[in-house]
Amino acid sequence: MRKVLQHIDRSLYVIENVCVVVILGTMVGLAFLQVVLRNFFSTGILWGDIFLRHLVLWVGFIGASLASRENKHINIDVLSRALPSRWASIVQAVIHVLTIIITYVLMRAAWRMVMFEKEGGSELFSGLPIWIFQLIIPIGFGLIGFRFLLHLIQIGLDLVAPLPPEPDKTEPAS
């Protein structure tokens, strides 16, 4: 079970990293092109700035998922530092359950917002619907919630069947 979770986590990590690199590369390239066009040719790409703003959303949500993977998200963990490790794990599990519920609620609300935009027919540029770019909002909340679900399952596995401690490699074997 642990190997399956690690494989899912690692695969998602690779996909997210590739997306962030591609999006950031696109953002840097488009921003550079905008500067060159404006300063040397007194023109620019009409939709460039709006497109860049939407790409920032994508990088932000994918980055938030990556931060959740590494437990680098914003949190207050005073209680878990003061408790014994087993109790700290239980507190973390409860926090993860609450986080999953909250991200689910936010994902559903974001999905409704995106569908409202789809029905409204708003366009970002050149007939391209804006809702396509806003899909990252429910997807992002879903990814964050999924990351916390993976953490929750890992905590459950550690509580039920903890891994044996690794042997100390500093002492020679007898």
N, C-alpha and C. Protein backbone atom coordinates (compact mmCIF):
# COMPACT_ATOMS: atom_id res chain seq x y z
N MET A 1 0.82 -1.20 0.00
CA MET A 1 0.00 0.00 0.00
C MET A 1 0.86 1.26 0.00
N ARG A 2 1.94 1.23 0.80
CA ARG A 2 2.83 2.40 0.87
C ARG A 2 3.48 2.67 -0.47
N LYS A 3 3.87 1.60 -1.17
CA LYS A 3 4.52 1.78 -2.47
C LYS A 3 3.55 2.38 -3.49
N VAL A 4 2.30 1.96 -3.44
CA VAL A 4 1.29 2.52 -4.35
C VAL A 4 1.11 4.01 -4.07
N LEU A 5 1.00 4.36 -2.79
CA LEU A 5 0.86 5.78 -2.42
C LEU A 5 2.07 6.58 -2.86
N GLN A 6 3.26 6.03 -2.66
CA GLN A 6 4.48 6.72 -3.08
C GLN A 6 4.52 6.89 -4.59
N HIS A 7 4.07 5.88 -5.33
CA HIS A 7 4.06 5.97 -6.79
C HIS A 7 3.07 7.05 -7.26
N ILE A 8 1.89 7.08 -6.67
CA ILE A 8 0.89 8.10 -7.02
C ILE A 8 1.44 9.49 -6.70
N ASP A 9 2.00 9.62 -5.51
CA ASP A 9 2.55 10.91 -5.08
C ASP A 9 3.68 11.36 -5.99
N ARG A 10 4.57 10.46 -6.31
CA ARG A 10 5.72 10.80 -7.17
C ARG A 10 5.26 11.16 -8.58
N SER A 11 4.32 10.41 -9.12
CA SER A 11 3.81 10.70 -10.47
C SER A 11 3.15 12.08 -10.52
N LEU A 12 2.33 12.37 -9.53
CA LEU A 12 1.69 13.67 -9.46
C LEU A 12 2.72 14.78 -9.31
N TYR A 13 3.75 14.53 -8.51
CA TYR A 13 4.84 15.48 -8.31
C TYR A 13 5.53 15.81 -9.64
N VAL A 14 5.83 14.79 -10.42
CA VAL A 14 6.50 14.99 -11.71
C VAL A 14 5.60 15.81 -12.65
N ILE A 15 4.33 15.44 -12.73
CA ILE A 15 3.39 16.16 -13.60
C ILE A 15 3.29 17.62 -13.18
N GLU A 16 3.16 17.86 -11.87
CA GLU A 16 3.06 19.24 -11.38
C GLU A 16 4.32 20.03 -11.67
N ASN A 17 5.47 19.42 -11.48
CA ASN A 17 6.73 20.12 -11.76
C ASN A 17 6.86 20.47 -13.24
N VAL A 18 6.51 19.54 -14.10
CA VAL A 18 6.56 19.82 -15.54
C VAL A 18 5.62 20.98 -15.88
N CYS A 19 4.42 20.96 -15.32
CA CYS A 19 3.46 22.04 -15.57
C CYS A 19 4.00 23.38 -15.10
N VAL A 20 4.58 23.41 -13.91
CA VAL A 20 5.13 24.67 -13.38
C VAL A 20 6.26 25.17 -14.28
N VAL A 21 7.14 24.29 -14.70
CA VAL A 21 8.26 24.71 -15.56
C VAL A 21 7.74 25.24 -16.89
N VAL A 22 6.79 24.54 -17.50
CA VAL A 22 6.24 24.99 -18.79
C VAL A 22 5.51 26.33 -18.63
N ILE A 23 4.71 26.45 -17.59
CA ILE A 23 3.95 27.69 -17.39
C ILE A 23 4.89 28.84 -17.09
N LEU A 24 5.87 28.63 -16.20
CA LEU A 24 6.82 29.70 -15.90
C LEU A 24 7.63 30.09 -17.12
N GLY A 25 8.03 29.12 -17.92
CA GLY A 25 8.74 29.42 -19.16
C GLY A 25 7.89 30.24 -20.11
N THR A 26 6.62 29.88 -20.22
CA THR A 26 5.68 30.63 -21.05
C THR A 26 5.52 32.06 -20.52
N MET A 27 5.41 32.18 -19.20
CA MET A 27 5.24 33.50 -18.60
C MET A 27 6.45 34.39 -18.85
N VAL A 28 7.64 33.85 -18.63
CA VAL A 28 8.86 34.63 -18.85
C VAL A 28 8.99 35.01 -20.31
N GLY A 29 8.76 34.05 -21.20
CA GLY A 29 8.86 34.34 -22.64
C GLY A 29 7.86 35.38 -23.09
N LEU A 30 6.62 35.26 -22.66
CA LEU A 30 5.59 36.22 -23.06
C LEU A 30 5.85 37.60 -22.47
N ALA A 31 6.26 37.65 -21.21
CA ALA A 31 6.56 38.94 -20.59
C ALA A 31 7.74 39.61 -21.29
N PHE A 32 8.77 38.84 -21.61
CA PHE A 32 9.92 39.39 -22.33
C PHE A 32 9.51 39.90 -23.71
N LEU A 33 8.70 39.12 -24.40
CA LEU A 33 8.21 39.53 -25.72
C LEU A 33 7.41 40.83 -25.62
N GLN A 34 6.57 40.93 -24.59
CA GLN A 34 5.78 42.16 -24.38
C GLN A 34 6.70 43.37 -24.19
N VAL A 35 7.75 43.21 -23.39
CA VAL A 35 8.68 44.32 -23.15
C VAL A 35 9.38 44.72 -24.44
N VAL A 36 9.85 43.75 -25.19
CA VAL A 36 10.54 44.05 -26.46
C VAL A 36 9.58 44.73 -27.43
N LEU A 37 8.39 44.20 -27.58
CA LEU A 37 7.43 44.79 -28.51
C LEU A 37 7.06 46.21 -28.10
N ARG A 38 6.87 46.46 -26.83
CA ARG A 38 6.47 47.79 -26.37
C ARG A 38 7.61 48.79 -26.49
N ASN A 39 8.82 48.39 -26.12
CA ASN A 39 9.94 49.33 -26.12
C ASN A 39 10.55 49.58 -27.48
N PHE A 40 10.55 48.60 -28.35
CA PHE A 40 11.22 48.75 -29.64
C PHE A 40 10.27 48.93 -30.81
N PHE A 41 9.02 48.50 -30.67
CA PHE A 41 8.10 48.55 -31.79
C PHE A 41 6.81 49.29 -31.47
N SER A 42 6.71 49.86 -30.28
CA SER A 42 5.54 50.63 -29.84
C SER A 42 4.23 49.85 -30.04
N THR A 43 4.28 48.59 -29.78
CA THR A 43 3.10 47.75 -29.89
C THR A 43 3.15 46.70 -28.78
N GLY A 44 2.32 45.74 -28.81
CA GLY A 44 2.33 44.66 -27.83
C GLY A 44 1.26 43.65 -28.20
N ILE A 45 1.23 42.61 -27.46
CA ILE A 45 0.21 41.59 -27.65
C ILE A 45 -0.98 42.00 -26.80
N LEU A 46 -2.09 42.26 -27.45
CA LEU A 46 -3.27 42.81 -26.78
C LEU A 46 -3.72 41.96 -25.59
N TRP A 47 -3.71 40.67 -25.73
CA TRP A 47 -4.20 39.78 -24.69
C TRP A 47 -3.10 39.28 -23.75
N GLY A 48 -1.86 39.71 -23.98
CA GLY A 48 -0.72 39.19 -23.24
C GLY A 48 -0.80 39.37 -21.73
N ASP A 49 -1.14 40.57 -21.29
CA ASP A 49 -1.18 40.84 -19.85
C ASP A 49 -2.29 40.05 -19.15
N ILE A 50 -3.44 39.95 -19.77
CA ILE A 50 -4.55 39.18 -19.19
C ILE A 50 -4.18 37.70 -19.11
N PHE A 51 -3.56 37.21 -20.16
CA PHE A 51 -3.14 35.82 -20.20
C PHE A 51 -2.12 35.54 -19.09
N LEU A 52 -1.16 36.46 -18.91
CA LEU A 52 -0.16 36.30 -17.86
C LEU A 52 -0.80 36.25 -16.47
N ARG A 53 -1.82 37.08 -16.24
CA ARG A 53 -2.51 37.07 -14.95
C ARG A 53 -3.16 35.71 -14.67
N HIS A 54 -3.71 35.12 -15.69
CA HIS A 54 -4.33 33.80 -15.51
C HIS A 54 -3.27 32.71 -15.30
N LEU A 55 -2.13 32.87 -15.96
CA LEU A 55 -1.06 31.90 -15.74
C LEU A 55 -0.51 31.97 -14.32
N VAL A 56 -0.54 33.18 -13.72
CA VAL A 56 -0.12 33.31 -12.32
C VAL A 56 -1.02 32.47 -11.42
N LEU A 57 -2.32 32.44 -11.72
CA LEU A 57 -3.24 31.58 -10.97
C LEU A 57 -2.81 30.12 -11.06
N TRP A 58 -2.47 29.69 -12.26
CA TRP A 58 -2.06 28.30 -12.46
C TRP A 58 -0.81 27.97 -11.66
N VAL A 59 0.19 28.84 -11.74
CA VAL A 59 1.43 28.60 -10.99
C VAL A 59 1.14 28.61 -9.49
N GLY A 60 0.30 29.52 -9.04
CA GLY A 60 -0.03 29.60 -7.62
C GLY A 60 -0.70 28.35 -7.10
N PHE A 61 -1.69 27.85 -7.81
CA PHE A 61 -2.40 26.65 -7.34
C PHE A 61 -1.54 25.39 -7.44
N ILE A 62 -0.79 25.26 -8.51
CA ILE A 62 0.08 24.09 -8.62
C ILE A 62 1.18 24.17 -7.57
N GLY A 63 1.70 25.38 -7.34
CA GLY A 63 2.70 25.57 -6.29
C GLY A 63 2.14 25.25 -4.91
N ALA A 64 0.88 25.61 -4.68
CA ALA A 64 0.25 25.29 -3.39
C ALA A 64 0.14 23.79 -3.20
N SER A 65 -0.16 23.07 -4.26
CA SER A 65 -0.22 21.62 -4.17
C SER A 65 1.16 21.04 -3.87
N LEU A 66 2.19 21.58 -4.53
CA LEU A 66 3.55 21.12 -4.26
C LEU A 66 3.96 21.44 -2.83
N ALA A 67 3.57 22.60 -2.34
CA ALA A 67 3.88 22.96 -0.94
C ALA A 67 3.17 22.02 0.02
N SER A 68 1.94 21.65 -0.30
CA SER A 68 1.20 20.71 0.54
C SER A 68 1.87 19.35 0.56
N ARG A 69 2.43 18.96 -0.56
CA ARG A 69 3.13 17.67 -0.63
C ARG A 69 4.29 17.63 0.35
N GLU A 70 5.02 18.73 0.42
CA GLU A 70 6.21 18.80 1.26
C GLU A 70 5.92 19.28 2.68
N ASN A 71 4.65 19.48 3.01
CA ASN A 71 4.25 20.06 4.30
C ASN A 71 4.90 21.43 4.52
N LYS A 72 5.01 22.20 3.46
CA LYS A 72 5.59 23.54 3.52
C LYS A 72 4.52 24.62 3.44
N HIS A 73 3.28 24.21 3.58
CA HIS A 73 2.16 25.15 3.54
C HIS A 73 2.09 25.89 4.87
N ILE A 74 1.34 26.94 4.89
CA ILE A 74 1.18 27.72 6.12
C ILE A 74 0.40 26.89 7.13
N ASN A 75 0.95 26.77 8.34
CA ASN A 75 0.24 26.05 9.39
C ASN A 75 0.72 26.52 10.76
N ILE A 76 -0.08 26.24 11.73
CA ILE A 76 0.28 26.54 13.12
C ILE A 76 0.29 25.19 13.84
N ASP A 77 1.47 24.78 14.27
CA ASP A 77 1.57 23.44 14.82
C ASP A 77 2.11 23.43 16.26
N VAL A 78 1.73 24.40 17.05
CA VAL A 78 2.17 24.48 18.44
C VAL A 78 1.73 23.24 19.21
N LEU A 79 0.49 22.84 19.02
CA LEU A 79 -0.04 21.70 19.76
C LEU A 79 0.70 20.41 19.41
N SER A 80 0.96 20.21 18.12
CA SER A 80 1.60 18.95 17.72
C SER A 80 3.05 18.88 18.20
N ARG A 81 3.69 20.01 18.44
CA ARG A 81 5.07 20.00 18.95
C ARG A 81 5.11 19.65 20.44
N ALA A 82 4.04 19.96 21.16
CA ALA A 82 4.00 19.75 22.61
C ALA A 82 3.52 18.35 22.99
N LEU A 83 2.91 17.65 22.06
CA LEU A 83 2.34 16.33 22.36
C LEU A 83 3.33 15.21 22.05
N PRO A 84 3.14 14.05 22.68
CA PRO A 84 3.93 12.88 22.28
C PRO A 84 3.61 12.53 20.82
N SER A 85 4.54 11.86 20.15
CA SER A 85 4.42 11.64 18.71
C SER A 85 3.12 10.94 18.31
N ARG A 86 2.68 9.96 19.09
CA ARG A 86 1.44 9.26 18.73
C ARG A 86 0.25 10.21 18.78
N TRP A 87 0.15 11.03 19.84
CA TRP A 87 -0.94 11.99 19.94
C TRP A 87 -0.81 13.08 18.88
N ALA A 88 0.42 13.48 18.58
CA ALA A 88 0.63 14.48 17.54
C ALA A 88 0.14 13.96 16.20
N SER A 89 0.33 12.66 15.94
CA SER A 89 -0.15 12.05 14.70
C SER A 89 -1.67 12.07 14.64
N ILE A 90 -2.31 11.82 15.76
CA ILE A 90 -3.78 11.84 15.80
C ILE A 90 -4.30 13.26 15.56
N VAL A 91 -3.65 14.24 16.19
CA VAL A 91 -4.03 15.65 15.97
C VAL A 91 -3.83 16.00 14.49
N GLN A 92 -2.71 15.58 13.92
CA GLN A 92 -2.46 15.84 12.50
C GLN A 92 -3.54 15.18 11.63
N ALA A 93 -3.95 13.99 11.97
CA ALA A 93 -4.99 13.30 11.20
C ALA A 93 -6.29 14.10 11.25
N VAL A 94 -6.66 14.59 12.43
CA VAL A 94 -7.88 15.39 12.54
C VAL A 94 -7.76 16.67 11.71
N ILE A 95 -6.61 17.32 11.77
CA ILE A 95 -6.38 18.54 10.98
C ILE A 95 -6.47 18.22 9.50
N HIS A 96 -5.91 17.11 9.08
CA HIS A 96 -5.97 16.72 7.67
C HIS A 96 -7.41 16.46 7.23
N VAL A 97 -8.19 15.81 8.07
CA VAL A 97 -9.61 15.57 7.75
C VAL A 97 -10.33 16.90 7.57
N LEU A 98 -10.12 17.82 8.49
CA LEU A 98 -10.76 19.14 8.37
C LEU A 98 -10.30 19.87 7.12
N THR A 99 -9.02 19.77 6.81
CA THR A 99 -8.49 20.42 5.61
C THR A 99 -9.10 19.82 4.35
N ILE A 100 -9.26 18.51 4.32
CA ILE A 100 -9.88 17.85 3.17
C ILE A 100 -11.31 18.34 3.00
N ILE A 101 -12.03 18.45 4.09
CA ILE A 101 -13.42 18.94 4.02
C ILE A 101 -13.45 20.37 3.49
N ILE A 102 -12.58 21.22 4.00
CA ILE A 102 -12.54 22.63 3.57
C ILE A 102 -12.16 22.74 2.10
N THR A 103 -11.14 22.00 1.67
CA THR A 103 -10.75 22.08 0.26
C THR A 103 -11.85 21.53 -0.64
N TYR A 104 -12.59 20.53 -0.16
CA TYR A 104 -13.71 20.01 -0.95
C TYR A 104 -14.79 21.08 -1.13
N VAL A 105 -15.11 21.76 -0.03
CA VAL A 105 -16.13 22.83 -0.11
C VAL A 105 -15.66 23.92 -1.06
N LEU A 106 -14.40 24.31 -0.96
CA LEU A 106 -13.86 25.34 -1.85
C LEU A 106 -13.82 24.87 -3.30
N MET A 107 -13.49 23.60 -3.50
CA MET A 107 -13.46 23.05 -4.85
C MET A 107 -14.85 23.08 -5.48
N ARG A 108 -15.86 22.69 -4.70
CA ARG A 108 -17.25 22.72 -5.20
C ARG A 108 -17.69 24.14 -5.54
N ALA A 109 -17.38 25.10 -4.67
CA ALA A 109 -17.75 26.49 -4.92
C ALA A 109 -17.03 27.01 -6.16
N ALA A 110 -15.76 26.67 -6.30
CA ALA A 110 -14.99 27.11 -7.47
C ALA A 110 -15.55 26.48 -8.75
N TRP A 111 -15.96 25.22 -8.65
CA TRP A 111 -16.55 24.55 -9.82
C TRP A 111 -17.83 25.26 -10.25
N ARG A 112 -18.66 25.63 -9.28
CA ARG A 112 -19.89 26.37 -9.61
C ARG A 112 -19.56 27.70 -10.26
N MET A 113 -18.53 28.37 -9.76
CA MET A 113 -18.13 29.65 -10.35
C MET A 113 -17.68 29.46 -11.81
N VAL A 114 -16.89 28.42 -12.05
CA VAL A 114 -16.40 28.15 -13.40
C VAL A 114 -17.58 27.82 -14.32
N MET A 115 -18.53 27.03 -13.85
CA MET A 115 -19.69 26.70 -14.68
C MET A 115 -20.56 27.94 -14.93
N PHE A 116 -20.63 28.84 -13.96
CA PHE A 116 -21.34 30.10 -14.15
C PHE A 116 -20.67 30.92 -15.25
N GLU A 117 -19.35 30.96 -15.23
CA GLU A 117 -18.60 31.68 -16.28
C GLU A 117 -18.81 31.01 -17.64
N LYS A 118 -18.88 29.70 -17.64
CA LYS A 118 -19.10 28.97 -18.89
C LYS A 118 -20.46 29.32 -19.48
N GLU A 119 -21.48 29.32 -18.61
CA GLU A 119 -22.82 29.67 -19.07
C GLU A 119 -22.90 31.12 -19.54
N GLY A 120 -22.14 31.99 -18.89
CA GLY A 120 -22.14 33.41 -19.25
C GLY A 120 -21.46 33.69 -20.58
N GLY A 121 -20.60 32.78 -21.01
CA GLY A 121 -19.95 32.93 -22.30
C GLY A 121 -18.84 33.97 -22.34
N SER A 122 -18.26 34.33 -21.19
CA SER A 122 -17.18 35.31 -21.17
C SER A 122 -15.97 34.77 -21.92
N GLU A 123 -15.29 35.68 -22.61
CA GLU A 123 -14.12 35.30 -23.39
C GLU A 123 -12.90 36.03 -22.87
N LEU A 124 -11.78 35.33 -22.88
CA LEU A 124 -10.52 35.94 -22.47
C LEU A 124 -9.95 36.74 -23.63
N PHE A 125 -9.84 36.11 -24.79
CA PHE A 125 -9.38 36.77 -26.01
C PHE A 125 -9.66 35.88 -27.20
N SER A 126 -9.86 36.48 -28.33
CA SER A 126 -10.03 35.78 -29.61
C SER A 126 -10.99 34.60 -29.55
N GLY A 127 -12.08 34.74 -28.85
CA GLY A 127 -13.08 33.68 -28.79
C GLY A 127 -12.74 32.55 -27.84
N LEU A 128 -11.63 32.67 -27.12
CA LEU A 128 -11.23 31.64 -26.17
C LEU A 128 -11.97 31.87 -24.85
N PRO A 129 -12.76 30.90 -24.40
CA PRO A 129 -13.56 31.10 -23.19
C PRO A 129 -12.69 31.23 -21.94
N ILE A 130 -13.08 32.14 -21.06
CA ILE A 130 -12.32 32.40 -19.84
C ILE A 130 -12.40 31.24 -18.86
N TRP A 131 -13.49 30.49 -18.90
CA TRP A 131 -13.66 29.41 -17.93
C TRP A 131 -12.59 28.34 -18.04
N ILE A 132 -12.01 28.17 -19.23
CA ILE A 132 -10.94 27.18 -19.41
C ILE A 132 -9.75 27.53 -18.51
N PHE A 133 -9.42 28.81 -18.45
CA PHE A 133 -8.29 29.24 -17.63
C PHE A 133 -8.63 29.22 -16.14
N GLN A 134 -9.88 29.35 -15.82
CA GLN A 134 -10.31 29.34 -14.41
C GLN A 134 -10.47 27.93 -13.86
N LEU A 135 -10.39 26.94 -14.71
CA LEU A 135 -10.49 25.55 -14.25
C LEU A 135 -9.44 25.19 -13.21
N ILE A 136 -8.32 25.91 -13.22
CA ILE A 136 -7.27 25.61 -12.24
C ILE A 136 -7.75 25.83 -10.82
N ILE A 137 -8.73 26.66 -10.61
CA ILE A 137 -9.18 26.94 -9.24
C ILE A 137 -9.80 25.68 -8.62
N PRO A 138 -10.83 25.07 -9.22
CA PRO A 138 -11.32 23.82 -8.62
C PRO A 138 -10.29 22.69 -8.70
N ILE A 139 -9.53 22.63 -9.78
CA ILE A 139 -8.50 21.60 -9.89
C ILE A 139 -7.46 21.78 -8.80
N GLY A 140 -7.05 23.01 -8.57
CA GLY A 140 -6.05 23.30 -7.54
C GLY A 140 -6.52 22.91 -6.16
N PHE A 141 -7.76 23.29 -5.81
CA PHE A 141 -8.29 22.88 -4.51
C PHE A 141 -8.40 21.36 -4.42
N GLY A 142 -8.76 20.72 -5.53
CA GLY A 142 -8.82 19.26 -5.55
C GLY A 142 -7.45 18.63 -5.33
N LEU A 143 -6.43 19.19 -5.98
CA LEU A 143 -5.07 18.68 -5.80
C LEU A 143 -4.60 18.83 -4.36
N ILE A 144 -4.86 19.99 -3.78
CA ILE A 144 -4.46 20.23 -2.39
C ILE A 144 -5.18 19.25 -1.46
N GLY A 145 -6.48 19.08 -1.66
CA GLY A 145 -7.22 18.13 -0.85
C GLY A 145 -6.71 16.71 -1.04
N PHE A 146 -6.36 16.35 -2.27
CA PHE A 146 -5.83 15.02 -2.54
C PHE A 146 -4.50 14.81 -1.83
N ARG A 147 -3.67 15.85 -1.82
CA ARG A 147 -2.38 15.76 -1.11
C ARG A 147 -2.61 15.48 0.38
N PHE A 148 -3.59 16.19 0.96
CA PHE A 148 -3.87 15.97 2.37
C PHE A 148 -4.48 14.59 2.61
N LEU A 149 -5.23 14.08 1.64
CA LEU A 149 -5.74 12.72 1.74
C LEU A 149 -4.59 11.71 1.75
N LEU A 150 -3.60 11.92 0.89
CA LEU A 150 -2.43 11.04 0.89
C LEU A 150 -1.70 11.11 2.23
N HIS A 151 -1.56 12.32 2.79
CA HIS A 151 -0.93 12.46 4.11
C HIS A 151 -1.74 11.73 5.17
N LEU A 152 -3.06 11.86 5.09
CA LEU A 152 -3.94 11.21 6.07
C LEU A 152 -3.80 9.69 6.01
N ILE A 153 -3.79 9.14 4.82
CA ILE A 153 -3.61 7.70 4.65
C ILE A 153 -2.25 7.27 5.21
N GLN A 154 -1.22 8.07 4.94
CA GLN A 154 0.11 7.75 5.46
C GLN A 154 0.13 7.75 6.98
N ILE A 155 -0.53 8.73 7.60
CA ILE A 155 -0.61 8.77 9.06
C ILE A 155 -1.34 7.53 9.58
N GLY A 156 -2.45 7.17 8.92
CA GLY A 156 -3.18 5.97 9.31
C GLY A 156 -2.32 4.73 9.22
N LEU A 157 -1.57 4.59 8.14
CA LEU A 157 -0.68 3.43 7.99
C LEU A 157 0.39 3.43 9.07
N ASP A 158 0.93 4.62 9.38
CA ASP A 158 1.97 4.69 10.41
C ASP A 158 1.42 4.35 11.79
N LEU A 159 0.16 4.71 12.05
CA LEU A 159 -0.44 4.40 13.35
C LEU A 159 -0.77 2.91 13.46
N VAL A 160 -1.25 2.32 12.36
CA VAL A 160 -1.66 0.91 12.39
C VAL A 160 -0.46 -0.03 12.27
N ALA A 161 0.42 0.27 11.32
CA ALA A 161 1.57 -0.60 11.07
C ALA A 161 2.81 0.26 10.86
N PRO A 162 3.41 0.75 11.96
CA PRO A 162 4.58 1.61 11.79
C PRO A 162 5.74 0.86 11.16
N LEU A 163 6.54 1.61 10.40
CA LEU A 163 7.73 1.02 9.81
C LEU A 163 8.75 0.75 10.91
N PRO A 164 9.48 -0.36 10.81
CA PRO A 164 10.52 -0.62 11.82
C PRO A 164 11.62 0.44 11.70
N PRO A 165 12.24 0.80 12.81
CA PRO A 165 13.31 1.80 12.73
C PRO A 165 14.48 1.27 11.90
N GLU A 166 15.12 2.17 11.16
CA GLU A 166 16.26 1.76 10.36
C GLU A 166 17.45 1.51 11.27
N PRO A 167 18.25 0.52 10.93
CA PRO A 167 19.43 0.24 11.77
C PRO A 167 20.41 1.40 11.72
N ASP A 168 21.11 1.62 12.84
CA ASP A 168 22.09 2.70 12.93
C ASP A 168 23.30 2.30 12.08
N LYS A 169 23.64 3.12 11.10
CA LYS A 169 24.71 2.77 10.17
C LYS A 169 26.07 3.24 10.67
N THR A 170 26.09 3.93 11.82
CA THR A 170 27.38 4.41 12.33
C THR A 170 28.11 3.33 13.10
N GLU A 171 27.39 2.35 13.64
CA GLU A 171 28.04 1.27 14.40
C GLU A 171 28.27 0.07 13.49
N PRO A 172 29.46 -0.53 13.57
CA PRO A 172 29.70 -1.72 12.75
C PRO A 172 28.86 -2.90 13.26
N ALA A 173 28.48 -3.75 12.33
CA ALA A 173 27.69 -4.94 12.67
C ALA A 173 28.56 -5.93 13.43
N SER A 174 27.98 -6.64 14.41
CA SER A 174 28.75 -7.60 15.21
C SER A 174 28.80 -8.93 14.54
